[in-house]
């Protein structure tokens, strides 16, 4: 079948013509025909999703994942990492074991463990009572529970080097976050193989003129992937532009979404792991003490927000597709080209989603 588009985003470039899909894969681009004003792009890849569609992933059942997956598709997400904030060991192990292995809907790439090896000086909304000093035996127990694909840790903690070494041995991408690391400590971690930073500028040592911290080190370090939340609350517009000026092509959009996201815009009280979070209309989710606690951001809105700040459309989409896939070393997601899985979002000229295909299933989501 043809998708009915006038162009497709292929490896960062718009290729004129329609897209052909057969048996769940892209078979051709640049075909004749198509509908003016519609463009096909790769399905979005979200590295950090705490919850969605009323579901908190830390306590999610198989049915919960199906419900959240349907809501994620509506925002164009075809692959994602359920993200588990710091909690008791038994709770985290159970959550990793509960990850769905297959099924219809967005691909679950594996778990992103945000903790428990985080700085007590930069916990954000993570419960202090569950933070732990680096412990390789504990790390092994968490990894043995199931498919863990990313861990966020504070690299300056004594013993963190051993964690990084073990994570890389086991094929887990490592990101620095919730950290008080200096620039020197961050550079040491990057030398060891830490490949990114989690929600840059949030829950990390502030940038100062003579003490640039982990953010300054990451922004000036080629190859380090910068995960960024562009929801209008976590970062000022000028900060987003600064990050992009330093790290275009290696910045990954993440939503850091919680259960309130993709929930029809309804506010109220939601769970983020063990934490109770209040969501008001037009406001960022917050813990009772005013600490930011995730977002209600959708990935399509993150792309729109970044594009609205002057980032070219092709590059804004790349930050939600190719860059996060590259961070995880995944060549099978975040791309649209012949031979690739047909994980595709069709947009109109207002950047509204018209259709989403997940492995070629056009009936998963359709808007017209």
Protein backbone atom coordinates (compact mmCIF):
# COMPACT_ATOMS: atom_id res chain seq x y z
CA UNK A 1 0.00 0.00 0.00
CA UNK A 2 0.97 3.66 -0.37
CA UNK A 3 0.77 6.11 2.50
CA UNK A 4 -0.52 9.02 0.43
CA UNK A 5 2.22 11.53 1.28
CA UNK A 6 4.08 14.02 -0.87
CA UNK A 7 7.43 13.50 0.90
CA UNK A 8 9.21 11.38 3.49
CA UNK A 9 11.97 12.17 5.96
CA UNK A 10 14.76 9.71 5.12
CA UNK A 11 18.01 9.91 7.10
CA UNK A 12 17.44 13.56 7.88
CA UNK A 13 16.48 14.64 4.37
CA UNK A 14 13.04 15.18 2.84
CA UNK A 15 12.63 12.92 -0.18
CA UNK A 16 9.83 13.91 -2.56
CA UNK A 17 7.22 11.28 -3.35
CA UNK A 18 5.03 8.70 -1.69
CA UNK A 19 6.02 5.76 0.54
CA UNK A 20 5.25 2.12 -0.15
CA UNK A 21 4.60 -0.34 2.68
CA UNK A 22 4.22 -4.11 2.46
CA UNK A 23 4.12 -6.81 5.12
CA UNK A 24 5.06 -4.42 7.92
CA UNK A 25 8.11 -2.92 6.20
CA UNK A 26 8.99 0.08 4.07
CA UNK A 27 9.53 -1.14 0.52
CA UNK A 28 9.98 2.12 -1.39
CA UNK A 29 10.21 5.89 -1.11
CA UNK A 30 9.95 8.55 -3.80
CA UNK A 31 6.89 6.99 -5.46
CA UNK A 32 4.56 8.99 -7.67
CA UNK A 33 1.29 10.30 -6.32
CA UNK A 34 0.53 11.23 -2.75
CA UNK A 35 -1.39 13.99 -1.01
CA UNK A 36 -0.04 17.51 -1.01
CA UNK A 37 0.85 18.86 2.42
CA UNK A 38 1.45 15.46 4.03
CA UNK A 39 4.82 14.09 5.05
CA UNK A 40 5.89 10.74 6.48
CA UNK A 41 8.46 10.68 9.27
CA UNK A 42 9.89 7.87 11.42
CA UNK A 43 7.92 6.89 14.51
CA UNK A 44 9.12 8.64 17.65
CA UNK A 45 11.49 6.98 20.13
CA UNK A 46 11.08 8.13 23.76
CA UNK A 47 13.90 7.24 26.15
CA UNK A 48 12.12 8.40 29.32
CA UNK A 49 8.45 7.64 29.95
CA UNK A 50 7.47 7.15 33.60
CA UNK A 51 3.82 6.63 32.74
CA UNK A 52 1.16 7.53 30.22
CA UNK A 53 -2.56 7.41 29.59
CA UNK A 54 -3.41 7.06 33.29
CA UNK A 55 -0.82 4.30 33.80
CA UNK A 56 2.24 4.48 36.07
CA UNK A 57 4.73 1.97 34.68
CA UNK A 58 6.30 1.12 38.04
CA UNK A 59 3.16 -0.81 38.97
CA UNK A 60 1.78 -1.57 35.48
CA UNK A 61 0.12 -4.85 34.44
CA UNK A 62 0.05 -6.26 30.92
CA UNK A 63 -3.34 -4.66 30.39
CA UNK A 64 -1.98 -1.33 31.66
CA UNK A 65 0.84 -1.46 29.12
CA UNK A 66 -1.68 -2.07 26.35
CA UNK A 67 -3.74 0.93 27.44
CA UNK A 68 -0.71 3.18 27.75
CA UNK A 69 0.59 1.94 24.41
CA UNK A 70 -2.61 2.95 22.63
CA UNK A 71 -2.28 6.45 24.08
CA UNK A 72 1.41 6.69 23.16
CA UNK A 73 0.61 5.82 19.56
CA UNK A 74 -1.77 8.75 19.39
CA UNK A 75 1.25 11.00 19.98
CA UNK A 76 3.35 9.18 17.38
CA UNK A 77 5.53 7.10 19.75
CA UNK A 78 6.30 3.70 18.22
CA UNK A 79 9.17 2.70 20.55
CA UNK A 80 9.91 3.68 24.14
CA UNK A 81 11.61 2.86 27.42
CA UNK A 82 9.34 2.54 30.46
CA UNK A 83 11.22 4.49 33.11
CA UNK A 84 11.24 3.54 36.77
CA UNK A 85 12.13 6.17 39.35
CA UNK A 86 13.92 5.19 42.52
CA UNK A 87 11.94 2.78 44.67
CA UNK A 88 12.46 -0.19 46.96
CA UNK A 89 14.52 -2.96 45.38
CA UNK A 90 11.64 -5.43 45.37
CA UNK A 91 9.38 -2.91 43.64
CA UNK A 92 11.92 -2.19 40.91
CA UNK A 93 12.66 -5.88 40.36
CA UNK A 94 8.95 -6.61 40.02
CA UNK A 95 8.52 -3.75 37.55
CA UNK A 96 11.38 -4.97 35.36
CA UNK A 97 9.99 -8.50 35.42
CA UNK A 98 6.58 -7.16 34.35
CA UNK A 99 7.89 -5.59 31.13
CA UNK A 100 5.90 -6.91 28.16
CA UNK A 101 8.01 -8.96 25.76
CA UNK A 102 5.85 -8.62 22.67
CA UNK A 103 2.44 -7.54 21.52
CA UNK A 104 0.65 -5.00 19.46
CA UNK A 105 1.43 -1.34 19.85
CA UNK A 106 4.66 0.59 20.48
CA UNK A 107 7.79 -1.46 20.94
CA UNK A 108 9.01 -1.65 24.54
CA UNK A 109 12.76 -1.33 24.10
CA UNK A 110 13.60 -2.16 27.70
CA UNK A 111 13.58 -0.46 31.07
CA UNK A 112 15.27 2.82 31.91
CA UNK A 113 16.25 2.66 35.56
CA UNK A 114 16.49 6.20 36.91
CA UNK A 115 18.16 5.31 40.18
CA UNK A 116 18.75 4.15 42.85
CA UNK A 117 22.40 5.29 42.53
CA UNK A 118 21.66 9.02 42.52
CA UNK A 119 23.06 11.96 44.46
CA UNK A 120 21.22 12.81 47.69
CA UNK A 121 22.17 16.42 46.88
CA UNK A 122 20.17 16.34 43.61
CA UNK A 123 17.31 13.90 44.16
CA UNK A 124 14.58 15.91 42.44
CA UNK A 125 11.37 14.04 43.14
CA UNK A 126 13.11 10.73 43.91
CA UNK A 127 12.43 9.51 47.47
CA UNK A 128 15.57 9.95 49.54
CA UNK A 129 14.88 6.83 51.57
CA UNK A 130 15.31 4.64 48.48
CA UNK A 131 18.59 6.13 47.21
CA UNK A 132 21.55 3.76 47.50
CA UNK A 133 25.32 4.02 47.41
CA UNK A 134 26.91 2.25 44.43
CA UNK A 135 26.65 -1.50 44.94
CA UNK A 136 27.54 -3.88 42.10
CA UNK A 137 25.69 -6.79 43.72
CA UNK A 138 22.49 -4.72 43.90
CA UNK A 139 23.01 -3.59 40.32
CA UNK A 140 23.34 -7.21 39.17
CA UNK A 141 20.10 -8.14 40.91
CA UNK A 142 18.29 -5.32 39.11
CA UNK A 143 19.76 -6.24 35.73
CA UNK A 144 19.06 -9.94 36.23
CA UNK A 145 15.34 -9.16 36.61
CA UNK A 146 14.84 -8.50 32.91
CA UNK A 147 15.56 -6.25 29.94
CA UNK A 148 17.25 -3.11 31.24
CA UNK A 149 18.54 -0.90 28.43
CA UNK A 150 19.49 2.34 30.22
CA UNK A 151 20.49 3.44 33.69
CA UNK A 152 20.77 6.97 35.02
CA UNK A 153 23.29 7.37 37.85
CA UNK A 154 25.39 10.01 39.60
CA UNK A 155 28.94 9.29 38.39
CA UNK A 156 30.67 11.20 41.19
CA UNK A 157 29.48 8.80 43.90
CA UNK A 158 32.26 6.65 45.40
CA UNK A 159 32.18 3.30 43.64
CA UNK A 160 30.26 4.56 40.59
CA UNK A 161 33.11 3.63 38.23
CA UNK A 162 32.49 -0.04 38.95
CA UNK A 163 28.81 0.40 38.16
CA UNK A 164 29.61 2.01 34.82
CA UNK A 165 32.00 -0.79 33.95
CA UNK A 166 29.43 -3.49 34.80
CA UNK A 167 26.63 -1.71 32.93
CA UNK A 168 28.71 -1.40 29.79
CA UNK A 169 29.76 -5.05 30.05
CA UNK A 170 26.09 -5.98 30.07
CA UNK A 171 25.17 -3.77 27.14
CA UNK A 172 23.29 -1.10 29.10
CA UNK A 173 23.51 2.54 28.02
CA UNK A 174 24.63 4.80 30.88
CA UNK A 175 23.52 8.37 31.47
CA UNK A 176 24.57 10.90 34.11
CA UNK A 177 21.67 12.44 35.97
CA UNK A 178 20.47 13.54 39.39
CA UNK A 179 24.11 14.36 39.92
CA UNK A 180 26.30 16.90 41.65
CA UNK A 181 29.29 16.04 39.47
CA UNK A 182 31.85 18.69 38.63
CA UNK A 183 33.00 19.09 35.06
CA UNK A 184 36.12 17.09 35.87
CA UNK A 185 34.11 14.26 37.40
CA UNK A 186 31.75 14.30 34.43
CA UNK A 187 34.60 14.17 31.93
CA UNK A 188 36.05 11.19 33.80
CA UNK A 189 32.68 9.45 33.52
CA UNK A 190 32.46 10.21 29.79
CA UNK A 191 35.97 8.77 29.39
CA UNK A 192 34.72 5.57 31.05
CA UNK A 193 31.83 5.29 28.60
CA UNK A 194 28.92 7.21 30.11
CA UNK A 195 27.18 8.22 26.89
CA UNK A 196 24.64 10.86 27.83
CA UNK A 197 23.01 13.11 30.38
CA UNK A 198 19.46 12.81 31.68
CA UNK A 199 17.16 15.89 31.41
CA UNK A 200 20.00 18.38 31.06
CA UNK A 201 20.12 21.25 33.58
CA UNK A 202 17.43 19.62 35.72
CA UNK A 203 18.48 17.87 38.96
CA UNK A 204 22.18 18.47 38.35
CA UNK A 205 24.94 20.79 39.51
CA UNK A 206 24.24 24.33 38.25
CA UNK A 207 26.36 25.83 35.47
CA UNK A 208 28.67 28.56 36.81
CA UNK A 209 31.40 30.60 35.17
CA UNK A 210 34.27 28.69 36.80
CA UNK A 211 32.31 25.60 37.77
CA UNK A 212 30.38 24.45 34.67
CA UNK A 213 29.40 21.11 36.18
CA UNK A 214 28.14 18.08 34.31
CA UNK A 215 25.98 20.19 31.98
CA UNK A 216 28.92 22.29 30.85
CA UNK A 217 31.08 19.22 30.33
CA UNK A 218 28.39 17.45 28.32
CA UNK A 219 27.58 20.43 26.12
CA UNK A 220 31.23 20.78 25.10
CA UNK A 221 31.94 17.06 24.73
CA UNK A 222 31.46 15.67 21.21
CA UNK A 223 29.52 12.41 21.16
CA UNK A 224 27.70 12.81 24.47
CA UNK A 225 23.93 12.67 23.93
CA UNK A 226 21.97 15.42 25.66
CA UNK A 227 18.46 14.40 26.75
CA UNK A 228 16.26 17.48 26.99
CA UNK A 229 12.69 18.15 28.19
CA UNK A 230 11.11 20.89 26.07
CA UNK A 231 7.77 21.42 27.80
CA UNK A 232 7.97 25.14 28.58
CA UNK A 233 8.51 24.42 32.29
CA UNK A 234 11.75 22.50 32.74
CA UNK A 235 13.89 24.82 30.60
CA UNK A 236 13.65 28.45 29.51
CA UNK A 237 13.45 29.00 25.77
CA UNK A 238 16.90 30.58 25.82
CA UNK A 239 18.29 27.50 27.56
CA UNK A 240 16.83 25.24 24.89
CA UNK A 241 18.42 27.39 22.19
CA UNK A 242 21.76 27.28 24.05
CA UNK A 243 21.65 23.49 24.25
CA UNK A 244 20.84 23.26 20.56
CA UNK A 245 23.61 25.70 19.61
CA UNK A 246 26.10 23.50 21.46
CA UNK A 247 24.72 20.05 20.69
CA UNK A 248 22.63 20.02 17.51
CA UNK A 249 22.60 16.49 16.14
CA UNK A 250 23.26 14.89 19.52
CA UNK A 251 20.28 16.20 21.47
CA UNK A 252 17.48 13.74 22.21
CA UNK A 253 14.00 14.93 23.06
CA UNK A 254 12.44 13.06 25.97
CA UNK A 255 9.05 13.59 27.53
CA UNK A 256 9.73 12.40 31.11
CA UNK A 257 5.97 11.88 31.03
CA UNK A 258 3.94 10.62 33.97
CA UNK A 259 0.55 8.90 34.11
CA UNK A 260 -1.26 12.23 33.62
CA UNK A 261 0.15 12.57 30.09
CA UNK A 262 -2.02 11.42 27.20
CA UNK A 263 -4.95 11.36 29.58
CA UNK A 264 -7.29 13.76 27.83
CA UNK A 265 -5.92 16.85 29.55
CA UNK A 266 -7.45 15.98 32.90
CA UNK A 267 -5.70 17.28 35.99
CA UNK A 268 -5.79 15.83 39.46
CA UNK A 269 -3.62 13.60 41.62
CA UNK A 270 -1.42 10.93 40.02
CA UNK A 271 1.23 8.47 41.15
CA UNK A 272 4.86 8.63 40.09
CA UNK A 273 6.20 5.51 41.72
CA UNK A 274 5.81 6.05 45.45
CA UNK A 275 5.31 9.80 44.99
CA UNK A 276 1.94 11.53 44.85
CA UNK A 277 1.91 14.24 42.19
CA UNK A 278 -0.53 17.09 41.62
CA UNK A 279 -1.33 18.20 38.08
CA UNK A 280 -3.07 21.53 37.56
CA UNK A 281 -4.36 22.99 34.31
CA UNK A 282 -1.50 24.46 32.30
CA UNK A 283 1.03 23.67 35.02
CA UNK A 284 3.85 21.16 35.30
CA UNK A 285 3.27 18.17 37.60
CA UNK A 286 4.59 18.88 41.07
CA UNK A 287 5.12 17.15 44.35
CA UNK A 288 3.46 18.71 47.38
CA UNK A 289 6.60 20.71 48.20
CA UNK A 290 6.71 22.32 44.75
CA UNK A 291 9.37 20.04 43.24
CA UNK A 292 8.90 19.34 39.52
CA UNK A 293 7.79 15.73 39.04
CA UNK A 294 7.87 14.73 35.38
CA UNK A 295 5.63 16.19 32.70
CA UNK A 296 2.36 15.84 30.81
CA UNK A 297 4.29 16.42 27.59
CA UNK A 298 3.60 14.38 24.45
CA UNK A 299 6.40 13.69 21.99
CA UNK A 300 4.63 15.37 19.09
CA UNK A 301 4.34 18.51 21.24
CA UNK A 302 8.04 18.28 22.15
CA UNK A 303 8.88 18.25 18.43
CA UNK A 304 6.53 21.17 17.76
CA UNK A 305 7.98 23.13 20.69
CA UNK A 306 11.56 22.61 19.51
CA UNK A 307 10.67 23.54 15.92
CA UNK A 308 8.86 26.68 17.15
CA UNK A 309 12.13 27.81 18.76
CA UNK A 310 13.81 27.93 15.37
CA UNK A 311 15.13 24.40 14.95
CA UNK A 312 14.58 23.12 11.39
CA UNK A 313 11.78 20.58 11.07
CA UNK A 314 14.05 17.79 9.89
CA UNK A 315 16.39 18.23 12.84
CA UNK A 316 13.58 18.57 15.39
CA UNK A 317 12.19 15.23 14.18
CA UNK A 318 15.68 13.71 14.31
CA UNK A 319 15.92 14.64 17.97
CA UNK A 320 12.87 12.44 18.61
CA UNK A 321 13.89 9.57 16.33
CA UNK A 322 17.42 9.06 15.07
CA UNK A 323 19.32 10.51 18.06
CA UNK A 324 17.61 8.49 20.82
CA UNK A 325 17.89 5.35 18.69
CA UNK A 326 21.61 6.00 18.22
CA UNK A 327 22.10 6.50 21.96
CA UNK A 328 20.77 2.99 22.55
CA UNK A 329 22.69 1.55 19.63
CA UNK A 330 19.44 0.55 17.93
CA UNK A 331 19.45 0.54 14.13
CA UNK A 332 15.95 -0.96 13.99
CA UNK A 333 13.99 2.04 15.29
CA UNK A 334 13.89 5.76 14.54
CA UNK A 335 14.42 5.37 10.79
CA UNK A 336 12.28 5.48 7.66
CA UNK A 337 13.92 3.88 4.63
CA UNK A 338 13.44 0.84 2.38
CA UNK A 339 13.87 -2.32 4.41
CA UNK A 340 13.06 -0.70 7.75
CA UNK A 341 10.09 -1.60 9.90
CA UNK A 342 7.10 0.51 8.93
CA UNK A 343 6.97 2.56 12.12
CA UNK A 344 5.73 5.78 10.57
CA UNK A 345 3.93 8.98 11.52
CA UNK A 346 2.08 10.95 8.84
CA UNK A 347 1.87 14.70 9.51
CA UNK A 348 0.00 17.47 7.76
CA UNK A 349 1.42 20.93 7.11
CA UNK A 350 0.32 22.09 10.58
CA UNK A 351 2.29 19.24 12.18
CA UNK A 352 -0.91 17.51 13.19
CA UNK A 353 -0.80 13.72 13.21
CA UNK A 354 -2.96 12.20 10.48
CA UNK A 355 -1.95 8.55 10.88
CA UNK A 356 0.46 6.31 12.75
CA UNK A 357 1.69 2.95 11.55
CA UNK A 358 3.34 0.55 13.94
CA UNK A 359 5.14 -2.26 12.08
CA UNK A 360 2.92 -1.49 9.13
CA UNK A 361 -0.40 -1.82 10.93
CA UNK A 362 -2.24 1.21 9.57
CA UNK A 363 -5.33 0.42 11.58
CA UNK A 364 -3.55 1.04 14.91
CA UNK A 365 -4.21 4.76 14.73
CA UNK A 366 -5.82 6.69 11.93
CA UNK A 367 -7.01 10.28 11.90
CA UNK A 368 -8.58 11.83 8.88
